[in-house]
N, C-alpha and C. Protein backbone atom coordinates (compact mmCIF):
# COMPACT_ATOMS: atom_id res chain seq x y z
N MET A 1 0.03 -7.15 -18.25
CA MET A 1 0.76 -7.18 -17.00
C MET A 1 1.10 -8.63 -16.67
N LYS A 2 2.32 -8.84 -16.26
CA LYS A 2 2.76 -10.20 -15.93
C LYS A 2 2.12 -10.69 -14.64
N LYS A 3 2.00 -12.00 -14.54
CA LYS A 3 1.36 -12.63 -13.38
C LYS A 3 2.01 -12.20 -12.06
N ALA A 4 3.33 -12.11 -12.02
CA ALA A 4 4.03 -11.72 -10.79
C ALA A 4 3.71 -10.29 -10.40
N LYS A 5 3.58 -9.41 -11.38
CA LYS A 5 3.24 -8.01 -11.10
C LYS A 5 1.81 -7.88 -10.60
N VAL A 6 0.91 -8.66 -11.18
CA VAL A 6 -0.49 -8.65 -10.73
C VAL A 6 -0.56 -9.13 -9.29
N TYR A 7 0.14 -10.22 -8.99
CA TYR A 7 0.15 -10.74 -7.62
C TYR A 7 0.72 -9.70 -6.65
N SER A 8 1.82 -9.06 -7.04
CA SER A 8 2.46 -8.08 -6.18
C SER A 8 1.53 -6.90 -5.90
N LEU A 9 0.83 -6.44 -6.93
CA LEU A 9 -0.13 -5.34 -6.75
C LEU A 9 -1.28 -5.76 -5.84
N CYS A 10 -1.80 -6.95 -6.05
CA CYS A 10 -2.90 -7.45 -5.20
C CYS A 10 -2.44 -7.60 -3.76
N GLU A 11 -1.23 -8.08 -3.56
CA GLU A 11 -0.68 -8.22 -2.22
C GLU A 11 -0.58 -6.85 -1.54
N ALA A 12 -0.12 -5.85 -2.29
CA ALA A 12 0.00 -4.50 -1.73
C ALA A 12 -1.37 -3.94 -1.36
N VAL A 13 -2.37 -4.14 -2.21
CA VAL A 13 -3.73 -3.66 -1.90
C VAL A 13 -4.23 -4.33 -0.62
N ALA A 14 -4.04 -5.63 -0.52
CA ALA A 14 -4.50 -6.36 0.67
C ALA A 14 -3.78 -5.88 1.92
N ASP A 15 -2.47 -5.68 1.83
CA ASP A 15 -1.72 -5.21 2.99
C ASP A 15 -2.14 -3.80 3.40
N ILE A 16 -2.34 -2.93 2.42
CA ILE A 16 -2.78 -1.56 2.71
C ILE A 16 -4.15 -1.59 3.38
N ALA A 17 -5.07 -2.38 2.87
CA ALA A 17 -6.41 -2.48 3.47
C ALA A 17 -6.32 -3.00 4.90
N TYR A 18 -5.48 -3.99 5.14
CA TYR A 18 -5.31 -4.56 6.47
C TYR A 18 -4.77 -3.51 7.45
N ILE A 19 -3.73 -2.80 7.02
CA ILE A 19 -3.12 -1.77 7.89
C ILE A 19 -4.13 -0.65 8.16
N ALA A 20 -4.84 -0.23 7.12
CA ALA A 20 -5.84 0.84 7.28
C ALA A 20 -6.94 0.42 8.26
N ALA A 21 -7.36 -0.82 8.18
CA ALA A 21 -8.39 -1.31 9.11
C ALA A 21 -7.88 -1.29 10.55
N LYS A 22 -6.62 -1.70 10.75
CA LYS A 22 -6.03 -1.66 12.09
C LYS A 22 -5.98 -0.23 12.63
N GLU A 23 -5.81 0.74 11.72
CA GLU A 23 -5.72 2.15 12.10
C GLU A 23 -7.08 2.84 12.13
N ASN A 24 -8.16 2.06 11.91
CA ASN A 24 -9.52 2.60 11.87
C ASN A 24 -9.69 3.72 10.85
N TYR A 25 -9.00 3.59 9.73
CA TYR A 25 -9.12 4.57 8.65
C TYR A 25 -10.35 4.24 7.83
N ARG A 26 -11.23 5.23 7.69
CA ARG A 26 -12.49 5.02 6.98
C ARG A 26 -12.87 6.26 6.17
N THR A 27 -13.70 6.02 5.17
CA THR A 27 -14.36 7.11 4.46
C THR A 27 -15.85 6.75 4.43
N ASN A 28 -16.67 7.66 3.98
CA ASN A 28 -18.11 7.39 3.91
C ASN A 28 -18.49 6.57 2.69
N ASN A 29 -17.57 6.41 1.76
CA ASN A 29 -17.86 5.73 0.51
C ASN A 29 -16.92 4.55 0.33
N SER A 30 -17.46 3.34 0.40
CA SER A 30 -16.61 2.15 0.32
C SER A 30 -15.93 2.02 -1.04
N ARG A 31 -16.58 2.42 -2.11
CA ARG A 31 -15.96 2.37 -3.45
C ARG A 31 -14.80 3.35 -3.53
N GLU A 32 -14.96 4.49 -2.89
CA GLU A 32 -13.91 5.50 -2.88
C GLU A 32 -12.67 4.99 -2.15
N ILE A 33 -12.86 4.36 -1.02
CA ILE A 33 -11.72 3.89 -0.24
C ILE A 33 -11.00 2.73 -0.95
N ILE A 34 -11.75 1.87 -1.61
CA ILE A 34 -11.13 0.78 -2.36
C ILE A 34 -10.30 1.35 -3.50
N SER A 35 -10.86 2.32 -4.20
CA SER A 35 -10.13 2.98 -5.28
C SER A 35 -8.86 3.65 -4.75
N GLN A 36 -8.98 4.26 -3.59
CA GLN A 36 -7.83 4.92 -2.97
C GLN A 36 -6.74 3.89 -2.64
N PHE A 37 -7.13 2.76 -2.08
CA PHE A 37 -6.15 1.72 -1.75
C PHE A 37 -5.46 1.17 -3.00
N ILE A 38 -6.20 1.03 -4.08
CA ILE A 38 -5.60 0.56 -5.33
C ILE A 38 -4.58 1.59 -5.83
N GLU A 39 -4.93 2.86 -5.77
CA GLU A 39 -3.99 3.91 -6.20
C GLU A 39 -2.76 3.94 -5.30
N TRP A 40 -2.95 3.79 -4.00
CA TRP A 40 -1.81 3.74 -3.09
C TRP A 40 -0.92 2.55 -3.41
N ALA A 41 -1.51 1.41 -3.70
CA ALA A 41 -0.74 0.21 -4.03
C ALA A 41 0.06 0.43 -5.31
N LYS A 42 -0.56 1.05 -6.31
CA LYS A 42 0.17 1.36 -7.55
C LYS A 42 1.35 2.28 -7.26
N GLU A 43 1.12 3.28 -6.42
CA GLU A 43 2.20 4.21 -6.05
C GLU A 43 3.32 3.48 -5.31
N PHE A 44 2.94 2.64 -4.36
CA PHE A 44 3.94 1.87 -3.61
C PHE A 44 4.76 1.00 -4.56
N GLU A 45 4.09 0.31 -5.46
CA GLU A 45 4.80 -0.55 -6.42
C GLU A 45 5.74 0.27 -7.30
N TYR A 46 5.28 1.44 -7.74
CA TYR A 46 6.11 2.30 -8.58
C TYR A 46 7.35 2.77 -7.81
N LEU A 47 7.15 3.23 -6.58
CA LEU A 47 8.27 3.74 -5.79
C LEU A 47 9.30 2.66 -5.46
N HIS A 48 8.86 1.42 -5.45
CA HIS A 48 9.74 0.32 -5.06
C HIS A 48 10.06 -0.63 -6.22
N LYS A 49 9.90 -0.16 -7.44
CA LYS A 49 10.05 -1.03 -8.60
C LYS A 49 11.45 -1.60 -8.76
N HIS A 50 12.45 -0.94 -8.20
CA HIS A 50 13.82 -1.44 -8.33
C HIS A 50 14.31 -2.13 -7.05
N ILE A 51 13.44 -2.29 -6.11
CA ILE A 51 13.81 -2.92 -4.84
C ILE A 51 13.71 -4.43 -4.95
N GLU A 52 14.73 -5.08 -4.46
CA GLU A 52 14.70 -6.53 -4.29
C GLU A 52 14.76 -6.74 -2.78
N TRP A 53 13.60 -7.04 -2.22
CA TRP A 53 13.48 -7.13 -0.76
C TRP A 53 14.50 -8.10 -0.20
N GLY A 54 15.21 -7.63 0.84
CA GLY A 54 16.23 -8.46 1.48
C GLY A 54 17.57 -8.42 0.77
N ILE A 55 17.64 -7.72 -0.35
CA ILE A 55 18.90 -7.66 -1.10
C ILE A 55 19.43 -6.24 -1.18
N ASN A 56 18.64 -5.30 -1.70
CA ASN A 56 19.15 -3.94 -1.88
C ASN A 56 18.34 -2.89 -1.12
N SER A 57 17.72 -3.30 -0.04
CA SER A 57 16.97 -2.36 0.80
C SER A 57 17.22 -2.67 2.27
N PRO A 58 17.46 -1.61 3.08
CA PRO A 58 17.66 -1.86 4.51
C PRO A 58 16.37 -2.28 5.22
N LEU A 59 15.22 -1.95 4.62
CA LEU A 59 13.93 -2.33 5.19
C LEU A 59 13.41 -3.58 4.50
N ASP A 60 12.54 -4.29 5.18
CA ASP A 60 11.88 -5.40 4.49
C ASP A 60 10.53 -4.91 3.96
N TYR A 61 9.87 -5.75 3.20
CA TYR A 61 8.61 -5.38 2.56
C TYR A 61 7.56 -4.94 3.57
N ILE A 62 7.38 -5.72 4.64
CA ILE A 62 6.34 -5.42 5.62
C ILE A 62 6.58 -4.06 6.28
N GLU A 63 7.83 -3.78 6.68
CA GLU A 63 8.13 -2.47 7.27
C GLU A 63 7.85 -1.35 6.26
N SER A 64 8.24 -1.55 5.03
CA SER A 64 8.08 -0.52 4.01
C SER A 64 6.62 -0.22 3.72
N ILE A 65 5.81 -1.25 3.56
CA ILE A 65 4.40 -1.00 3.24
C ILE A 65 3.67 -0.45 4.46
N ASP A 66 4.11 -0.84 5.64
CA ASP A 66 3.52 -0.30 6.87
C ASP A 66 3.81 1.20 6.97
N TYR A 67 5.07 1.60 6.82
CA TYR A 67 5.43 3.02 6.87
C TYR A 67 4.72 3.81 5.78
N PHE A 68 4.70 3.27 4.57
CA PHE A 68 4.04 3.93 3.45
C PHE A 68 2.56 4.15 3.74
N THR A 69 1.89 3.12 4.21
CA THR A 69 0.45 3.21 4.47
C THR A 69 0.15 4.18 5.60
N LEU A 70 0.92 4.15 6.65
CA LEU A 70 0.72 5.09 7.76
C LEU A 70 0.92 6.53 7.29
N TYR A 71 1.91 6.74 6.42
CA TYR A 71 2.12 8.07 5.85
C TYR A 71 0.90 8.51 5.05
N LYS A 72 0.39 7.62 4.18
CA LYS A 72 -0.77 7.96 3.35
C LYS A 72 -2.01 8.22 4.20
N ILE A 73 -2.21 7.41 5.22
CA ILE A 73 -3.36 7.61 6.12
C ILE A 73 -3.27 8.98 6.78
N ASN A 74 -2.09 9.31 7.30
CA ASN A 74 -1.92 10.62 7.94
C ASN A 74 -2.12 11.76 6.95
N GLN A 75 -1.71 11.54 5.73
CA GLN A 75 -1.88 12.54 4.68
C GLN A 75 -3.34 12.76 4.34
N TRP A 76 -4.14 11.70 4.34
CA TRP A 76 -5.53 11.77 3.88
C TRP A 76 -6.58 11.81 4.99
N ARG A 77 -6.21 11.49 6.19
CA ARG A 77 -7.19 11.36 7.27
C ARG A 77 -8.00 12.63 7.49
N ASN A 78 -7.41 13.78 7.42
CA ASN A 78 -8.12 15.03 7.71
C ASN A 78 -8.51 15.82 6.48
N VAL A 79 -8.49 15.18 5.33
CA VAL A 79 -8.87 15.87 4.08
C VAL A 79 -10.36 15.87 3.93
């Protein structure tokens, strides 16, 4: 994996964790939630692989990851 892709994935994981903390999203298993955030970040990166932020998307990165994370939290919160 190229350095830029690794950085982008790490940035997405960090942003997802930050947003989830603001939303008080928790599970009983810290390893499980970290694994979940990594999977969400991979999914976000895959869904946006052709996006050049500020060029070919009406949303910016922060809005997109915020909406994505809130969607995932709502999807998983009551499971």
